[in-house]
Amino acid sequence: MSANLQTHSQPKSSTFADVLRIILAIILPPVGVLLQVGLGMHFWLNIVLTLCGYIPGLVHAVWVIAKK
């Protein structure tokens, strides 16, 4: 038998931090995105989407948080 066992990467389970980010994203979508990805393109896109309407910003924030 070989001592080298291959490990298969399993999908990440939701952590408390992810749940907290989603709750913050529901309250203010850019905050959830900021905590997830920092001051990058997704953050600024989320600012624009949130200014266009709460729902587009919320959907984008949840998508960004769930994707990572």
C-alpha atoms as a PDB file:
ATOM      1  CA  MET A   1       0.000   0.000   0.000  1.00  0.00           C
ATOM      2  CA  SER A   2       1.142   3.462  -0.771  1.00  0.00           C
ATOM      3  CA  ALA A   3       1.483   6.010   1.992  1.00  0.00           C
ATOM      4  CA  ASN A   4       0.801   8.810  -0.457  1.00  0.00           C
ATOM      5  CA  LEU A   5      -2.900   9.482  -0.335  1.00  0.00           C
ATOM      6  CA  GLN A   6      -4.361  12.002  -2.684  1.00  0.00           C
ATOM      7  CA  THR A   7      -6.708  14.433  -1.087  1.00  0.00           C
ATOM      8  CA  HIS A   8      -9.662  15.640  -3.042  1.00  0.00           C
ATOM      9  CA  SER A   9     -10.641  19.232  -2.570  1.00  0.00           C
ATOM     10  CA  GLN A  10     -14.126  19.502  -1.189  1.00  0.00           C
ATOM     11  CA  PRO A  11     -16.418  22.486  -1.641  1.00  0.00           C
ATOM     12  CA  LYS A  12     -16.000  25.089   1.048  1.00  0.00           C
ATOM     13  CA  SER A  13     -18.765  25.039   3.568  1.00  0.00           C
ATOM     14  CA  SER A  14     -20.321  28.260   4.778  1.00  0.00           C
ATOM     15  CA  THR A  15     -18.579  29.720   7.737  1.00  0.00           C
ATOM     16  CA  PHE A  16     -19.757  32.197  10.306  1.00  0.00           C
ATOM     17  CA  ALA A  17     -17.794  34.905   8.485  1.00  0.00           C
ATOM     18  CA  ASP A  18     -19.698  34.201   5.253  1.00  0.00           C
ATOM     19  CA  VAL A  19     -23.011  34.403   7.080  1.00  0.00           C
ATOM     20  CA  LEU A  20     -21.957  37.687   8.674  1.00  0.00           C
ATOM     21  CA  ARG A  21     -20.940  39.093   5.274  1.00  0.00           C
ATOM     22  CA  ILE A  22     -24.312  38.137   3.793  1.00  0.00           C
ATOM     23  CA  ILE A  23     -26.158  39.781   6.691  1.00  0.00           C
ATOM     24  CA  LEU A  24     -24.092  42.946   6.209  1.00  0.00           C
ATOM     25  CA  ALA A  25     -24.744  42.754   2.461  1.00  0.00           C
ATOM     26  CA  ILE A  26     -28.487  42.692   3.115  1.00  0.00           C
ATOM     27  CA  ILE A  27     -28.195  45.816   5.240  1.00  0.00           C
ATOM     28  CA  LEU A  28     -25.704  47.644   2.992  1.00  0.00           C
ATOM     29  CA  PRO A  29     -24.499  45.676  -0.069  1.00  0.00           C
ATOM     30  CA  PRO A  30     -21.149  47.468  -0.637  1.00  0.00           C
ATOM     31  CA  VAL A  31     -20.009  46.636   2.912  1.00  0.00           C
ATOM     32  CA  GLY A  32     -20.405  42.902   2.294  1.00  0.00           C
ATOM     33  CA  VAL A  33     -18.458  43.155  -0.959  1.00  0.00           C
ATOM     34  CA  LEU A  34     -15.767  45.305   0.662  1.00  0.00           C
ATOM     35  CA  LEU A  35     -15.221  42.714   3.376  1.00  0.00           C
ATOM     36  CA  GLN A  36     -15.050  39.922   0.813  1.00  0.00           C
ATOM     37  CA  VAL A  37     -12.836  41.359  -1.944  1.00  0.00           C
ATOM     38  CA  GLY A  38     -11.521  44.717  -0.728  1.00  0.00           C
ATOM     39  CA  LEU A  39     -11.344  47.903  -2.781  1.00  0.00           C
ATOM     40  CA  GLY A  40     -11.361  46.211  -6.160  1.00  0.00           C
ATOM     41  CA  MET A  41     -13.478  46.315  -9.274  1.00  0.00           C
ATOM     42  CA  HIS A  42     -16.330  44.359  -7.669  1.00  0.00           C
ATOM     43  CA  PHE A  43     -16.600  46.899  -4.853  1.00  0.00           C
ATOM     44  CA  TRP A  44     -16.915  49.866  -7.220  1.00  0.00           C
ATOM     45  CA  LEU A  45     -19.311  47.967  -9.465  1.00  0.00           C
ATOM     46  CA  ASN A  46     -21.429  47.218  -6.415  1.00  0.00           C
ATOM     47  CA  ILE A  47     -21.475  50.916  -5.460  1.00  0.00           C
ATOM     48  CA  VAL A  48     -22.809  51.769  -8.939  1.00  0.00           C
ATOM     49  CA  LEU A  49     -25.371  48.952  -8.859  1.00  0.00           C
ATOM     50  CA  THR A  50     -26.556  49.964  -5.392  1.00  0.00           C
ATOM     51  CA  LEU A  51     -26.947  53.576  -6.522  1.00  0.00           C
ATOM     52  CA  CYS A  52     -29.045  52.327  -9.462  1.00  0.00           C
ATOM     53  CA  GLY A  53     -31.209  50.353  -7.063  1.00  0.00           C
ATOM     54  CA  TYR A  54     -30.994  48.360  -3.875  1.00  0.00           C
ATOM     55  CA  ILE A  55     -31.922  45.010  -5.473  1.00  0.00           C
ATOM     56  CA  PRO A  56     -29.185  44.973  -8.172  1.00  0.00           C
ATOM     57  CA  GLY A  57     -26.582  45.843  -5.537  1.00  0.00           C
ATOM     58  CA  LEU A  58     -27.895  43.164  -3.198  1.00  0.00           C
ATOM     59  CA  VAL A  59     -27.915  40.472  -5.886  1.00  0.00           C
ATOM     60  CA  HIS A  60     -24.362  41.344  -6.914  1.00  0.00           C
ATOM     61  CA  ALA A  61     -23.151  41.364  -3.303  1.00  0.00           C
ATOM     62  CA  VAL A  62     -24.623  37.948  -2.529  1.00  0.00           C
ATOM     63  CA  TRP A  63     -23.184  36.586  -5.779  1.00  0.00           C
ATOM     64  CA  VAL A  64     -19.693  37.896  -4.966  1.00  0.00           C
ATOM     65  CA  ILE A  65     -19.812  36.495  -1.421  1.00  0.00           C
ATOM     66  CA  ALA A  66     -21.159  33.094  -2.534  1.00  0.00           C
ATOM     67  CA  LYS A  67     -18.651  32.827  -5.400  1.00  0.00           C
ATOM     68  CA  LYS A  68     -15.559  33.173  -3.190  1.00  0.00           C
END
